[in-house]
N, C-alpha and C. Protein backbone atom coordinates (compact mmCIF):
# COMPACT_ATOMS: atom_id res chain seq x y z
N UNK A 1 111.34 113.21 94.48
CA UNK A 1 110.00 113.23 95.07
C UNK A 1 109.87 112.09 96.07
N UNK A 2 109.66 112.43 97.34
CA UNK A 2 109.55 111.43 98.39
C UNK A 2 108.13 110.87 98.47
N UNK A 3 108.04 109.56 98.66
CA UNK A 3 106.74 108.89 98.77
C UNK A 3 106.71 108.06 100.03
N UNK A 4 105.50 107.79 100.51
CA UNK A 4 105.35 106.93 101.67
C UNK A 4 105.38 105.47 101.23
N UNK A 5 104.98 104.55 102.11
CA UNK A 5 104.95 103.13 101.78
C UNK A 5 104.10 102.86 100.54
N UNK A 6 104.70 102.20 99.55
CA UNK A 6 103.98 101.96 98.28
C UNK A 6 102.70 101.16 98.46
N UNK A 7 102.74 100.13 99.34
CA UNK A 7 101.55 99.30 99.56
C UNK A 7 100.38 100.17 100.01
N UNK A 8 100.63 101.03 100.99
CA UNK A 8 99.56 101.86 101.54
C UNK A 8 99.00 102.81 100.49
N UNK A 9 99.89 103.36 99.67
CA UNK A 9 99.45 104.29 98.62
C UNK A 9 98.58 103.56 97.61
N UNK A 10 99.00 102.38 97.19
CA UNK A 10 98.24 101.60 96.21
C UNK A 10 96.86 101.22 96.75
N UNK A 11 96.82 100.83 98.04
CA UNK A 11 95.55 100.46 98.65
C UNK A 11 94.62 101.66 98.74
N UNK A 12 95.18 102.80 99.13
CA UNK A 12 94.37 104.01 99.28
C UNK A 12 93.79 104.47 97.95
N UNK A 13 94.58 104.33 96.89
CA UNK A 13 94.13 104.78 95.57
C UNK A 13 93.37 103.70 94.81
N UNK A 14 93.47 102.46 95.29
CA UNK A 14 92.76 101.38 94.62
C UNK A 14 93.34 101.03 93.27
N UNK A 15 94.66 101.25 93.11
CA UNK A 15 95.31 100.98 91.83
C UNK A 15 96.74 100.53 92.06
N UNK A 16 97.20 99.58 91.25
CA UNK A 16 98.57 99.05 91.38
C UNK A 16 99.51 99.89 90.53
N UNK A 17 99.76 101.12 90.96
CA UNK A 17 100.54 102.04 90.14
C UNK A 17 102.05 101.86 90.31
N UNK A 18 102.47 101.09 91.32
CA UNK A 18 103.89 100.82 91.51
C UNK A 18 104.16 99.35 91.23
N UNK A 19 105.38 99.07 90.78
CA UNK A 19 105.75 97.68 90.46
C UNK A 19 105.60 96.78 91.68
N UNK A 20 105.90 97.33 92.86
CA UNK A 20 105.81 96.54 94.09
C UNK A 20 104.39 96.07 94.35
N UNK A 21 103.41 96.79 93.81
CA UNK A 21 102.01 96.45 94.03
C UNK A 21 101.46 95.51 92.96
N UNK A 22 102.27 95.19 91.96
CA UNK A 22 101.81 94.35 90.87
C UNK A 22 102.19 92.90 91.10
N UNK A 23 101.89 92.42 92.29
CA UNK A 23 102.22 91.05 92.67
C UNK A 23 100.99 90.36 93.25
N UNK A 24 101.03 89.03 93.26
CA UNK A 24 99.93 88.26 93.83
C UNK A 24 99.80 88.52 95.33
N UNK A 25 100.94 88.72 95.97
CA UNK A 25 100.93 88.99 97.41
C UNK A 25 100.15 90.27 97.71
N UNK A 26 100.38 91.30 96.90
CA UNK A 26 99.67 92.55 97.11
C UNK A 26 98.18 92.38 96.83
N UNK A 27 97.85 91.65 95.76
CA UNK A 27 96.45 91.43 95.40
C UNK A 27 95.69 90.76 96.56
N UNK A 28 96.32 89.77 97.19
CA UNK A 28 95.69 89.08 98.31
C UNK A 28 95.54 90.02 99.52
N UNK A 29 96.57 90.83 99.76
CA UNK A 29 96.52 91.79 100.86
C UNK A 29 95.42 92.82 100.62
N UNK A 30 95.27 93.23 99.39
CA UNK A 30 94.25 94.21 99.03
C UNK A 30 92.85 93.64 99.25
N UNK A 31 92.68 92.37 98.88
CA UNK A 31 91.38 91.71 99.05
C UNK A 31 91.01 91.60 100.53
N UNK A 32 91.98 91.26 101.35
CA UNK A 32 91.73 91.14 102.79
C UNK A 32 91.35 92.49 103.39
N UNK A 33 92.06 93.53 102.98
CA UNK A 33 91.78 94.88 103.49
C UNK A 33 90.39 95.34 103.07
N UNK A 34 90.03 95.02 101.83
CA UNK A 34 88.72 95.42 101.31
C UNK A 34 87.60 94.72 102.06
N UNK A 35 87.83 93.43 102.35
CA UNK A 35 86.81 92.65 103.06
C UNK A 35 86.63 93.17 104.49
N UNK A 36 87.72 93.55 105.13
CA UNK A 36 87.65 94.02 106.51
C UNK A 36 87.02 95.40 106.65
N UNK A 37 87.17 96.22 105.61
CA UNK A 37 86.66 97.59 105.69
C UNK A 37 85.33 97.80 104.96
N UNK A 38 84.82 96.76 104.34
CA UNK A 38 83.61 96.89 103.53
C UNK A 38 82.41 97.36 104.35
N UNK A 39 82.26 96.82 105.55
CA UNK A 39 81.08 97.14 106.36
C UNK A 39 81.11 98.56 106.91
N UNK A 40 82.31 99.05 107.21
CA UNK A 40 82.37 100.38 107.83
C UNK A 40 82.67 101.51 106.84
N UNK A 41 82.85 101.16 105.57
CA UNK A 41 83.19 102.18 104.59
C UNK A 41 81.97 103.01 104.19
N UNK A 42 82.14 104.30 104.13
CA UNK A 42 81.08 105.19 103.70
C UNK A 42 81.32 105.63 102.25
N UNK A 43 80.24 105.96 101.55
CA UNK A 43 80.41 106.41 100.17
C UNK A 43 81.29 107.66 100.14
N UNK A 44 82.26 107.69 99.23
CA UNK A 44 83.15 108.83 99.13
C UNK A 44 82.48 110.02 98.45
N UNK A 45 82.97 111.20 98.74
CA UNK A 45 82.44 112.41 98.12
C UNK A 45 83.02 112.57 96.72
N UNK A 46 82.45 113.48 95.94
CA UNK A 46 82.97 113.75 94.60
C UNK A 46 84.41 114.26 94.70
N UNK A 47 84.66 115.09 95.69
CA UNK A 47 86.00 115.63 95.87
C UNK A 47 87.01 114.52 96.13
N UNK A 48 86.62 113.57 96.97
CA UNK A 48 87.51 112.46 97.28
C UNK A 48 87.80 111.64 96.03
N UNK A 49 86.76 111.39 95.24
CA UNK A 49 86.94 110.62 94.00
C UNK A 49 87.87 111.35 93.04
N UNK A 50 87.67 112.65 92.90
CA UNK A 50 88.51 113.44 92.01
C UNK A 50 89.96 113.46 92.48
N UNK A 51 90.16 113.59 93.79
CA UNK A 51 91.50 113.62 94.36
C UNK A 51 92.22 112.30 94.11
N UNK A 52 91.51 111.20 94.30
CA UNK A 52 92.10 109.88 94.09
C UNK A 52 92.53 109.71 92.64
N UNK A 53 91.67 110.11 91.70
CA UNK A 53 92.01 109.97 90.28
C UNK A 53 93.20 110.86 89.92
N UNK A 54 93.25 112.05 90.52
CA UNK A 54 94.38 112.94 90.27
C UNK A 54 95.68 112.33 90.77
N UNK A 55 95.63 111.77 91.98
CA UNK A 55 96.81 111.16 92.56
C UNK A 55 97.27 109.93 91.78
N UNK A 56 96.31 109.16 91.30
CA UNK A 56 96.64 107.98 90.48
C UNK A 56 97.49 108.39 89.28
N UNK A 57 96.98 109.37 88.54
CA UNK A 57 97.65 109.78 87.31
C UNK A 57 99.00 110.45 87.60
N UNK A 58 99.03 111.28 88.62
CA UNK A 58 100.27 111.98 88.97
C UNK A 58 101.36 111.00 89.38
N UNK A 59 101.02 110.06 90.24
CA UNK A 59 102.01 109.11 90.72
C UNK A 59 102.38 108.08 89.66
N UNK A 60 101.46 107.77 88.77
CA UNK A 60 101.75 106.84 87.69
C UNK A 60 102.92 107.35 86.85
N UNK A 61 102.92 108.67 86.60
CA UNK A 61 103.99 109.26 85.80
C UNK A 61 105.14 109.77 86.67
N UNK A 62 105.00 109.63 87.99
CA UNK A 62 106.08 110.01 88.89
C UNK A 62 106.36 111.50 88.93
N UNK A 63 105.30 112.31 88.89
CA UNK A 63 105.47 113.76 88.85
C UNK A 63 105.15 114.41 90.19
N UNK A 64 105.79 115.53 90.45
CA UNK A 64 105.46 116.31 91.64
C UNK A 64 104.13 117.01 91.38
N UNK A 65 103.51 117.53 92.43
CA UNK A 65 102.24 118.24 92.26
C UNK A 65 102.44 119.45 91.34
N UNK A 66 103.54 120.16 91.50
CA UNK A 66 103.81 121.34 90.67
C UNK A 66 103.95 120.97 89.20
N UNK A 67 104.68 119.90 88.92
CA UNK A 67 104.86 119.46 87.54
C UNK A 67 103.54 119.03 86.92
N UNK A 68 102.79 118.23 87.68
CA UNK A 68 101.54 117.70 87.15
C UNK A 68 100.51 118.80 86.91
N UNK A 69 100.37 119.71 87.86
CA UNK A 69 99.40 120.79 87.71
C UNK A 69 99.75 121.68 86.53
N UNK A 70 101.04 121.80 86.23
CA UNK A 70 101.47 122.58 85.07
C UNK A 70 100.99 121.94 83.77
N UNK A 71 101.09 120.61 83.69
CA UNK A 71 100.60 119.89 82.51
C UNK A 71 99.08 120.08 82.37
N UNK A 72 98.37 119.98 83.49
CA UNK A 72 96.92 120.14 83.47
C UNK A 72 96.54 121.55 83.02
N UNK A 73 97.23 122.54 83.54
CA UNK A 73 96.95 123.94 83.20
C UNK A 73 97.14 124.19 81.71
N UNK A 74 98.20 123.65 81.15
CA UNK A 74 98.46 123.82 79.72
C UNK A 74 97.40 123.11 78.87
N UNK A 75 96.95 121.95 79.35
CA UNK A 75 95.92 121.21 78.62
C UNK A 75 94.60 121.98 78.63
N UNK A 76 94.29 122.60 79.76
CA UNK A 76 93.05 123.38 79.87
C UNK A 76 93.10 124.62 78.99
N UNK A 77 94.30 125.15 78.80
CA UNK A 77 94.45 126.35 77.98
C UNK A 77 94.46 126.06 76.50
N UNK A 78 94.67 124.80 76.14
CA UNK A 78 94.73 124.43 74.72
C UNK A 78 93.34 124.47 74.11
N UNK A 79 93.30 124.65 72.82
CA UNK A 79 92.01 124.70 72.12
C UNK A 79 91.55 123.30 71.72
N UNK A 80 92.39 122.33 71.96
CA UNK A 80 92.04 120.95 71.62
C UNK A 80 91.27 120.31 72.78
N UNK A 81 90.96 119.04 72.63
CA UNK A 81 90.33 118.27 73.70
C UNK A 81 91.30 118.21 74.88
N UNK A 82 90.95 118.79 76.04
CA UNK A 82 91.87 118.82 77.17
C UNK A 82 92.36 117.44 77.60
N UNK A 83 91.48 116.45 77.59
CA UNK A 83 91.88 115.11 78.01
C UNK A 83 92.92 114.54 77.06
N UNK A 84 92.67 114.68 75.74
CA UNK A 84 93.62 114.19 74.74
C UNK A 84 94.92 114.96 74.81
N UNK A 85 94.83 116.27 75.08
CA UNK A 85 96.01 117.11 75.16
C UNK A 85 96.88 116.72 76.35
N UNK A 86 96.26 116.48 77.51
CA UNK A 86 97.01 116.08 78.70
C UNK A 86 97.67 114.73 78.47
N UNK A 87 96.93 113.79 77.95
CA UNK A 87 97.46 112.45 77.71
C UNK A 87 98.65 112.52 76.76
N UNK A 88 98.51 113.29 75.68
CA UNK A 88 99.58 113.40 74.69
C UNK A 88 100.83 114.01 75.32
N UNK A 89 100.65 115.03 76.15
CA UNK A 89 101.80 115.70 76.78
C UNK A 89 102.53 114.75 77.73
N UNK A 90 101.77 113.98 78.51
CA UNK A 90 102.38 113.04 79.45
C UNK A 90 103.10 111.90 78.73
N UNK A 91 102.48 111.42 77.67
CA UNK A 91 103.06 110.29 76.94
C UNK A 91 104.18 110.72 75.99
N UNK A 92 104.33 112.02 75.74
CA UNK A 92 105.40 112.52 74.88
C UNK A 92 106.68 112.78 75.65
N UNK A 93 106.63 112.68 76.98
CA UNK A 93 107.84 112.81 77.78
C UNK A 93 108.81 111.69 77.39
N UNK A 94 110.10 111.98 77.40
CA UNK A 94 111.08 110.98 77.01
C UNK A 94 111.02 109.75 77.90
N UNK A 95 110.82 109.94 79.21
CA UNK A 95 110.76 108.76 80.08
C UNK A 95 109.54 107.90 79.77
N UNK A 96 108.42 108.54 79.39
CA UNK A 96 107.21 107.79 79.04
C UNK A 96 107.41 107.01 77.75
N UNK A 97 108.06 107.65 76.77
CA UNK A 97 108.32 106.98 75.49
C UNK A 97 109.25 105.79 75.70
N UNK A 98 110.28 105.98 76.54
CA UNK A 98 111.21 104.88 76.82
C UNK A 98 110.48 103.71 77.49
N UNK A 99 109.56 104.03 78.39
CA UNK A 99 108.77 103.00 79.06
C UNK A 99 107.88 102.26 78.05
N UNK A 100 107.21 103.00 77.19
CA UNK A 100 106.32 102.39 76.20
C UNK A 100 107.07 101.52 75.21
N UNK A 101 108.33 101.87 74.95
CA UNK A 101 109.14 101.09 74.02
C UNK A 101 109.59 99.77 74.65
N UNK A 102 109.48 99.67 75.96
CA UNK A 102 109.89 98.46 76.65
C UNK A 102 111.32 98.50 77.13
N UNK A 103 111.95 99.70 77.08
CA UNK A 103 113.32 99.83 77.55
C UNK A 103 113.39 99.72 79.07
N UNK A 104 112.30 100.00 79.74
CA UNK A 104 112.23 99.91 81.20
C UNK A 104 110.90 99.30 81.60
N UNK A 105 110.89 98.60 82.72
CA UNK A 105 109.66 97.92 83.14
C UNK A 105 108.73 98.83 83.93
N UNK A 106 109.23 99.98 84.38
CA UNK A 106 108.40 100.94 85.11
C UNK A 106 108.74 102.36 84.66
N UNK A 107 107.81 103.29 84.93
CA UNK A 107 108.08 104.69 84.62
C UNK A 107 109.28 105.19 85.42
N UNK A 108 109.36 104.76 86.68
CA UNK A 108 110.45 105.20 87.54
C UNK A 108 111.80 104.77 86.98
N UNK A 109 111.89 103.53 86.52
CA UNK A 109 113.13 103.03 85.96
C UNK A 109 113.48 103.79 84.68
N UNK A 110 112.45 104.10 83.88
CA UNK A 110 112.68 104.85 82.64
C UNK A 110 113.21 106.25 82.97
N UNK A 111 112.66 106.85 84.01
CA UNK A 111 113.09 108.19 84.42
C UNK A 111 114.57 108.17 84.83
N UNK A 112 114.98 107.16 85.59
CA UNK A 112 116.37 107.04 86.00
C UNK A 112 117.28 106.77 84.81
N UNK A 113 116.78 105.98 83.87
CA UNK A 113 117.54 105.65 82.66
C UNK A 113 117.88 106.91 81.87
N UNK A 114 116.89 107.79 81.75
CA UNK A 114 117.11 109.04 81.03
C UNK A 114 118.06 109.94 81.83
N UNK A 115 117.82 110.07 83.12
CA UNK A 115 118.64 110.93 83.97
C UNK A 115 120.11 110.54 83.94
N UNK A 116 120.38 109.24 83.81
CA UNK A 116 121.76 108.75 83.81
C UNK A 116 122.39 108.80 82.42
N UNK A 117 121.66 109.33 81.45
CA UNK A 117 122.23 109.55 80.12
C UNK A 117 122.36 108.34 79.23
N UNK A 118 121.51 107.35 79.42
CA UNK A 118 121.59 106.14 78.60
C UNK A 118 120.92 106.28 77.23
N UNK A 119 120.15 107.33 77.02
CA UNK A 119 119.42 107.48 75.77
C UNK A 119 119.83 108.72 74.99
N UNK A 120 119.71 108.61 73.67
CA UNK A 120 119.97 109.76 72.80
C UNK A 120 118.75 109.97 71.92
N UNK A 121 118.46 111.22 71.61
CA UNK A 121 117.34 111.56 70.74
C UNK A 121 117.90 112.26 69.51
N UNK A 122 117.67 111.66 68.37
CA UNK A 122 118.21 112.20 67.11
C UNK A 122 119.71 112.41 67.20
N UNK A 123 120.38 111.45 67.84
CA UNK A 123 121.84 111.49 67.95
C UNK A 123 122.38 112.35 69.07
N UNK A 124 121.51 113.00 69.83
CA UNK A 124 121.95 113.87 70.92
C UNK A 124 121.58 113.27 72.26
N UNK A 125 122.56 113.19 73.16
CA UNK A 125 122.31 112.64 74.48
C UNK A 125 121.39 113.57 75.27
N UNK A 126 120.35 113.00 75.87
CA UNK A 126 119.38 113.78 76.64
C UNK A 126 119.30 113.20 78.05
N UNK A 127 119.36 114.07 79.05
CA UNK A 127 119.32 113.61 80.45
C UNK A 127 118.13 114.20 81.21
N UNK A 128 117.17 114.75 80.48
CA UNK A 128 116.00 115.37 81.10
C UNK A 128 114.77 114.49 80.84
N UNK A 129 114.23 113.81 81.87
CA UNK A 129 113.08 112.91 81.69
C UNK A 129 111.87 113.59 81.06
N UNK A 130 111.67 114.88 81.33
CA UNK A 130 110.49 115.59 80.81
C UNK A 130 110.69 116.08 79.38
N UNK A 131 111.84 115.80 78.79
CA UNK A 131 112.10 116.23 77.41
C UNK A 131 110.95 115.81 76.50
N UNK A 132 110.43 116.75 75.72
CA UNK A 132 109.29 116.45 74.86
C UNK A 132 109.75 115.82 73.54
N UNK A 133 109.31 114.61 73.32
CA UNK A 133 109.63 113.90 72.08
C UNK A 133 108.57 114.25 71.04
N UNK A 134 109.01 114.60 69.85
CA UNK A 134 108.10 114.99 68.77
C UNK A 134 107.99 113.88 67.73
N UNK A 135 106.88 113.83 67.00
CA UNK A 135 106.74 112.82 65.94
C UNK A 135 107.92 112.90 64.98
N UNK A 136 108.48 111.75 64.68
CA UNK A 136 109.63 111.70 63.79
C UNK A 136 110.95 111.59 64.53
N UNK A 137 110.95 111.86 65.83
CA UNK A 137 112.17 111.75 66.63
C UNK A 137 112.57 110.28 66.80
N UNK A 138 113.88 110.05 66.72
CA UNK A 138 114.42 108.70 66.88
C UNK A 138 115.12 108.60 68.23
N UNK A 139 114.73 107.62 69.02
CA UNK A 139 115.31 107.42 70.35
C UNK A 139 116.15 106.14 70.32
N UNK A 140 117.39 106.27 70.71
CA UNK A 140 118.33 105.14 70.66
C UNK A 140 119.06 104.99 71.98
N UNK A 141 119.38 103.75 72.32
CA UNK A 141 120.23 103.52 73.48
C UNK A 141 121.63 104.00 73.11
N UNK A 142 122.24 104.80 73.98
CA UNK A 142 123.58 105.34 73.73
C UNK A 142 124.56 104.21 73.48
N UNK A 143 125.44 104.40 72.52
CA UNK A 143 126.38 103.35 72.13
C UNK A 143 127.14 102.79 73.33
N UNK A 144 127.58 103.67 74.22
CA UNK A 144 128.34 103.22 75.37
C UNK A 144 127.52 102.51 76.42
N UNK A 145 126.18 102.52 76.25
CA UNK A 145 125.29 101.89 77.24
C UNK A 145 124.69 100.58 76.74
N UNK A 146 124.90 100.26 75.47
CA UNK A 146 124.24 99.09 74.88
C UNK A 146 124.63 97.78 75.55
N UNK A 147 125.85 97.72 76.11
CA UNK A 147 126.30 96.50 76.78
C UNK A 147 126.02 96.53 78.27
N UNK A 148 125.31 97.58 78.72
CA UNK A 148 124.97 97.70 80.14
C UNK A 148 124.00 96.60 80.54
N UNK A 149 124.05 96.23 81.81
CA UNK A 149 123.14 95.21 82.31
C UNK A 149 121.69 95.60 82.17
N UNK A 150 121.42 96.90 82.05
CA UNK A 150 120.04 97.37 81.88
C UNK A 150 119.39 96.80 80.64
N UNK A 151 120.21 96.51 79.62
CA UNK A 151 119.64 96.12 78.33
C UNK A 151 120.03 94.69 77.91
N UNK A 152 120.63 93.93 78.81
CA UNK A 152 121.07 92.58 78.47
C UNK A 152 119.91 91.65 78.11
N UNK A 153 118.78 91.81 78.79
CA UNK A 153 117.63 90.92 78.53
C UNK A 153 116.52 91.64 77.78
N UNK A 154 116.89 92.71 77.10
CA UNK A 154 115.88 93.52 76.39
C UNK A 154 115.12 92.71 75.34
N UNK A 155 115.82 91.86 74.62
CA UNK A 155 115.18 91.07 73.56
C UNK A 155 114.12 90.14 74.14
N UNK A 156 114.43 89.47 75.24
CA UNK A 156 113.47 88.56 75.87
C UNK A 156 112.28 89.34 76.42
N UNK A 157 112.55 90.46 77.07
CA UNK A 157 111.48 91.26 77.65
C UNK A 157 110.56 91.85 76.58
N UNK A 158 111.12 92.17 75.42
CA UNK A 158 110.34 92.82 74.36
C UNK A 158 109.21 91.94 73.84
N UNK A 159 109.34 90.64 74.04
CA UNK A 159 108.32 89.71 73.56
C UNK A 159 107.00 89.88 74.30
N UNK A 160 107.06 90.40 75.51
CA UNK A 160 105.83 90.58 76.29
C UNK A 160 105.36 92.03 76.30
N UNK A 161 106.03 92.88 75.52
CA UNK A 161 105.66 94.29 75.46
C UNK A 161 104.72 94.55 74.29
N UNK A 162 103.61 95.22 74.57
CA UNK A 162 102.65 95.58 73.53
C UNK A 162 102.85 97.06 73.20
N UNK A 163 103.42 97.31 72.04
CA UNK A 163 103.72 98.69 71.65
C UNK A 163 102.45 99.43 71.25
N UNK A 164 102.28 100.67 71.70
CA UNK A 164 101.14 101.46 71.25
C UNK A 164 101.30 101.81 69.77
N UNK A 165 100.24 102.18 69.12
CA UNK A 165 100.26 102.40 67.68
C UNK A 165 101.17 103.53 67.24
N UNK A 166 101.50 104.44 68.16
CA UNK A 166 102.30 105.60 67.76
C UNK A 166 103.81 105.38 67.90
N UNK A 167 104.20 104.15 68.26
CA UNK A 167 105.62 103.87 68.48
C UNK A 167 106.10 102.68 67.66
N UNK A 168 107.30 102.79 67.12
CA UNK A 168 108.02 101.68 66.51
C UNK A 168 109.27 101.43 67.34
N UNK A 169 109.67 100.16 67.45
CA UNK A 169 110.89 99.87 68.18
C UNK A 169 111.59 98.67 67.56
N UNK A 170 112.88 98.83 67.25
CA UNK A 170 113.72 97.76 66.70
C UNK A 170 114.61 97.26 67.83
N UNK A 171 114.28 96.09 68.35
CA UNK A 171 115.01 95.58 69.52
C UNK A 171 116.46 95.25 69.18
N UNK A 172 116.75 94.85 67.94
CA UNK A 172 118.12 94.52 67.55
C UNK A 172 119.00 95.77 67.55
N UNK A 173 118.46 96.86 67.02
CA UNK A 173 119.22 98.12 66.97
C UNK A 173 119.10 98.91 68.28
N UNK A 174 118.15 98.47 69.13
CA UNK A 174 117.84 99.23 70.35
C UNK A 174 117.49 100.67 69.99
N UNK A 175 116.61 100.76 69.01
CA UNK A 175 116.24 102.08 68.47
C UNK A 175 114.73 102.15 68.24
N UNK A 176 114.14 103.28 68.62
CA UNK A 176 112.70 103.45 68.46
C UNK A 176 112.36 104.76 67.77
N UNK A 177 111.14 104.84 67.31
CA UNK A 177 110.66 106.02 66.60
C UNK A 177 109.28 106.39 67.10
N UNK A 178 109.07 107.68 67.37
CA UNK A 178 107.73 108.16 67.69
C UNK A 178 107.08 108.52 66.36
N UNK A 179 106.15 107.69 65.91
CA UNK A 179 105.54 107.87 64.59
C UNK A 179 104.59 109.06 64.55
N UNK A 180 103.74 109.15 65.56
CA UNK A 180 102.75 110.22 65.63
C UNK A 180 102.62 110.67 67.08
N UNK A 181 101.86 111.72 67.28
CA UNK A 181 101.57 112.13 68.66
C UNK A 181 100.76 111.02 69.32
N UNK A 182 100.98 110.77 70.62
CA UNK A 182 100.22 109.73 71.33
C UNK A 182 98.72 109.94 71.20
N UNK A 183 97.98 108.87 70.92
CA UNK A 183 96.55 108.94 70.68
C UNK A 183 95.77 108.49 71.91
N UNK A 184 95.06 109.40 72.50
CA UNK A 184 94.31 109.14 73.73
C UNK A 184 93.27 108.05 73.56
N UNK A 185 92.60 107.97 72.44
CA UNK A 185 91.52 107.00 72.24
C UNK A 185 92.02 105.57 72.08
N UNK A 186 93.31 105.39 71.86
CA UNK A 186 93.84 104.06 71.60
C UNK A 186 94.59 103.47 72.79
N UNK A 187 94.57 104.17 73.90
CA UNK A 187 95.33 103.69 75.05
C UNK A 187 94.51 103.76 76.32
N UNK A 188 94.44 102.64 77.00
CA UNK A 188 93.74 102.63 78.28
C UNK A 188 94.55 103.44 79.30
N UNK A 189 93.88 104.22 80.09
CA UNK A 189 94.53 105.03 81.12
C UNK A 189 94.11 104.49 82.48
N UNK A 190 95.05 104.47 83.41
CA UNK A 190 94.78 103.90 84.73
C UNK A 190 94.01 104.84 85.64
N UNK A 191 93.55 105.95 85.11
CA UNK A 191 92.80 106.92 85.92
C UNK A 191 91.75 107.60 85.07
N UNK A 192 90.75 108.16 85.73
CA UNK A 192 89.68 108.89 85.05
C UNK A 192 90.16 110.33 84.82
N UNK A 193 90.61 110.62 83.60
CA UNK A 193 91.17 111.95 83.32
C UNK A 193 90.11 113.03 83.46
N UNK A 194 88.86 112.69 83.16
CA UNK A 194 87.78 113.65 83.32
C UNK A 194 87.67 114.11 84.77
N UNK A 195 87.81 113.17 85.70
CA UNK A 195 87.74 113.51 87.13
C UNK A 195 88.93 114.37 87.54
N UNK A 196 90.06 114.17 86.87
CA UNK A 196 91.25 114.98 87.16
C UNK A 196 90.97 116.44 86.85
N UNK A 197 90.34 116.70 85.71
CA UNK A 197 90.01 118.07 85.34
C UNK A 197 88.93 118.65 86.26
N UNK A 198 88.02 117.79 86.69
CA UNK A 198 87.00 118.24 87.65
C UNK A 198 87.66 118.72 88.93
N UNK A 199 88.71 118.01 89.35
CA UNK A 199 89.42 118.39 90.58
C UNK A 199 90.05 119.78 90.45
N UNK A 200 90.67 120.04 89.31
CA UNK A 200 91.39 121.31 89.14
C UNK A 200 90.47 122.47 88.78
N UNK A 201 89.25 122.17 88.36
CA UNK A 201 88.33 123.28 87.97
C UNK A 201 87.16 123.40 88.92
N UNK A 202 87.21 122.72 90.05
CA UNK A 202 86.09 122.74 90.99
C UNK A 202 85.90 124.15 91.62
């Protein structure tokens, strides 16, 4: 999936969804841009707001429009709470679980990690980032990858990682467990999921 300049995308969406935007330099640049455009900015329409929230969530998980709309469609068709259903589906992806465990510092890095075959699920090597992880599944760094530079500083990095309630991770074994389905009410989301559904059902 090709993207334009990350800085411009982050500024347009008003969210630091890329690692490159999570710096003091970007924060200062964002403040200057906001100050310069404050006087000439007009109130956005509902459609614009919905589009921005949709793009935030889609790009946060690194999905194409086709992939993301498919998740939304399935959530709308479910008999459960659509917002909770969408969140659970996105967070149950193997790349999302790897990111939440602290194996990667960004969703993009987690996606590449899975694609390159560094992880196994229940003893089976998986190379599909969208692979759906189910409660009870055990995710482990592949034996041949444990000495890779990707995981050399994992122990130090894990100290700053806050695990969500539905995940366990043993940094010594480089092994994690999805305890339950991801819980929407216990995790802050970087986008208004309600606005996302408004966009697709307008």
